[in-house]
């Protein structure tokens, strides 16, 4: 699904950038240009970012 229409960025591209190390909106903006034009995609991008980071955190083994 397209998240950023201005730059043609999809949720899959955002998730891939997160898998490759992006952890903040600033990093996603630098890499994919999301939120750098009209800004209407920022909230949806943040939702994708937070969901993906939670999935990554939950997949990490718990250290006691």
C-alpha atoms as a PDB file:
ATOM      1  CA  UNK A   1       0.000   0.000   0.000  1.00  0.00           C
ATOM      2  CA  UNK A   2       1.261   3.466  -0.810  1.00  0.00           C
ATOM      3  CA  UNK A   3       2.027   5.518   2.290  1.00  0.00           C
ATOM      4  CA  UNK A   4       3.704   8.550   0.700  1.00  0.00           C
ATOM      5  CA  UNK A   5       2.058   9.557  -2.547  1.00  0.00           C
ATOM      6  CA  UNK A   6       4.453  12.471  -3.127  1.00  0.00           C
ATOM      7  CA  UNK A   7       7.450  10.130  -3.367  1.00  0.00           C
ATOM      8  CA  UNK A   8       5.714   6.846  -4.198  1.00  0.00           C
ATOM      9  CA  UNK A   9       6.805   5.082  -1.000  1.00  0.00           C
ATOM     10  CA  UNK A  10       5.014   1.899   0.101  1.00  0.00           C
ATOM     11  CA  UNK A  11       4.655   0.283   3.503  1.00  0.00           C
ATOM     12  CA  UNK A  12       6.879  -2.550   2.240  1.00  0.00           C
ATOM     13  CA  UNK A  13       9.663  -0.084   1.447  1.00  0.00           C
ATOM     14  CA  UNK A  14       9.339   1.470   4.900  1.00  0.00           C
ATOM     15  CA  UNK A  15       9.453  -1.950   6.577  1.00  0.00           C
ATOM     16  CA  UNK A  16      12.494  -2.897   4.493  1.00  0.00           C
ATOM     17  CA  UNK A  17      14.286   0.312   5.541  1.00  0.00           C
ATOM     18  CA  UNK A  18      13.515  -0.528   9.183  1.00  0.00           C
ATOM     19  CA  UNK A  19      14.841  -4.072   8.682  1.00  0.00           C
ATOM     20  CA  UNK A  20      18.008  -2.460   7.310  1.00  0.00           C
ATOM     21  CA  UNK A  21      18.518  -0.310  10.411  1.00  0.00           C
ATOM     22  CA  UNK A  22      16.240   2.735  10.252  1.00  0.00           C
ATOM     23  CA  UNK A  23      14.749   3.341  13.705  1.00  0.00           C
ATOM     24  CA  UNK A  24      13.436   6.911  13.547  1.00  0.00           C
ATOM     25  CA  UNK A  25      11.282   9.124  11.351  1.00  0.00           C
ATOM     26  CA  UNK A  26      14.365  11.225  10.648  1.00  0.00           C
ATOM     27  CA  UNK A  27      16.197   8.193   9.269  1.00  0.00           C
ATOM     28  CA  UNK A  28      13.183   7.198   7.161  1.00  0.00           C
ATOM     29  CA  UNK A  29      12.911  10.741   5.828  1.00  0.00           C
ATOM     30  CA  UNK A  30      16.595  10.794   4.910  1.00  0.00           C
ATOM     31  CA  UNK A  31      16.441   7.409   3.217  1.00  0.00           C
ATOM     32  CA  UNK A  32      12.999   7.405   1.586  1.00  0.00           C
ATOM     33  CA  UNK A  33      11.983  11.100   1.666  1.00  0.00           C
ATOM     34  CA  UNK A  34       8.712  10.260   3.506  1.00  0.00           C
ATOM     35  CA  UNK A  35       7.228  13.319   5.189  1.00  0.00           C
ATOM     36  CA  UNK A  36       9.549  15.709   3.380  1.00  0.00           C
ATOM     37  CA  UNK A  37       7.001  17.277   1.035  1.00  0.00           C
ATOM     38  CA  UNK A  38       3.365  17.688   2.087  1.00  0.00           C
ATOM     39  CA  UNK A  39       3.649  15.771   5.380  1.00  0.00           C
ATOM     40  CA  UNK A  40       0.303  13.967   5.113  1.00  0.00           C
ATOM     41  CA  UNK A  41       2.046  10.576   5.319  1.00  0.00           C
ATOM     42  CA  UNK A  42       3.792  11.234   8.645  1.00  0.00           C
ATOM     43  CA  UNK A  43       1.188   9.704  10.945  1.00  0.00           C
ATOM     44  CA  UNK A  44       0.790   6.581   8.840  1.00  0.00           C
ATOM     45  CA  UNK A  45       4.565   6.250   8.518  1.00  0.00           C
ATOM     46  CA  UNK A  46       4.894   6.499  12.311  1.00  0.00           C
ATOM     47  CA  UNK A  47       2.301   3.741  12.723  1.00  0.00           C
ATOM     48  CA  UNK A  48       4.232   1.460  10.341  1.00  0.00           C
ATOM     49  CA  UNK A  49       7.493   2.323  12.130  1.00  0.00           C
ATOM     50  CA  UNK A  50       6.107   1.657  15.613  1.00  0.00           C
ATOM     51  CA  UNK A  51       4.411  -1.592  14.572  1.00  0.00           C
ATOM     52  CA  UNK A  52       7.580  -2.908  12.917  1.00  0.00           C
ATOM     53  CA  UNK A  53       9.810  -1.907  15.850  1.00  0.00           C
ATOM     54  CA  UNK A  54       7.412  -3.683  18.244  1.00  0.00           C
ATOM     55  CA  UNK A  55       7.558  -6.831  16.091  1.00  0.00           C
ATOM     56  CA  UNK A  56      11.352  -6.711  16.148  1.00  0.00           C
ATOM     57  CA  UNK A  57      11.417  -6.161  19.927  1.00  0.00           C
ATOM     58  CA  UNK A  58       9.002  -9.034  20.560  1.00  0.00           C
ATOM     59  CA  UNK A  59      11.117 -11.362  18.423  1.00  0.00           C
ATOM     60  CA  UNK A  60      14.225 -10.649  20.523  1.00  0.00           C
ATOM     61  CA  UNK A  61      15.016 -13.274  23.177  1.00  0.00           C
ATOM     62  CA  UNK A  62      14.333 -12.088  26.712  1.00  0.00           C
ATOM     63  CA  UNK A  63      17.485 -11.710  28.828  1.00  0.00           C
ATOM     64  CA  UNK A  64      16.999 -12.380  32.522  1.00  0.00           C
END
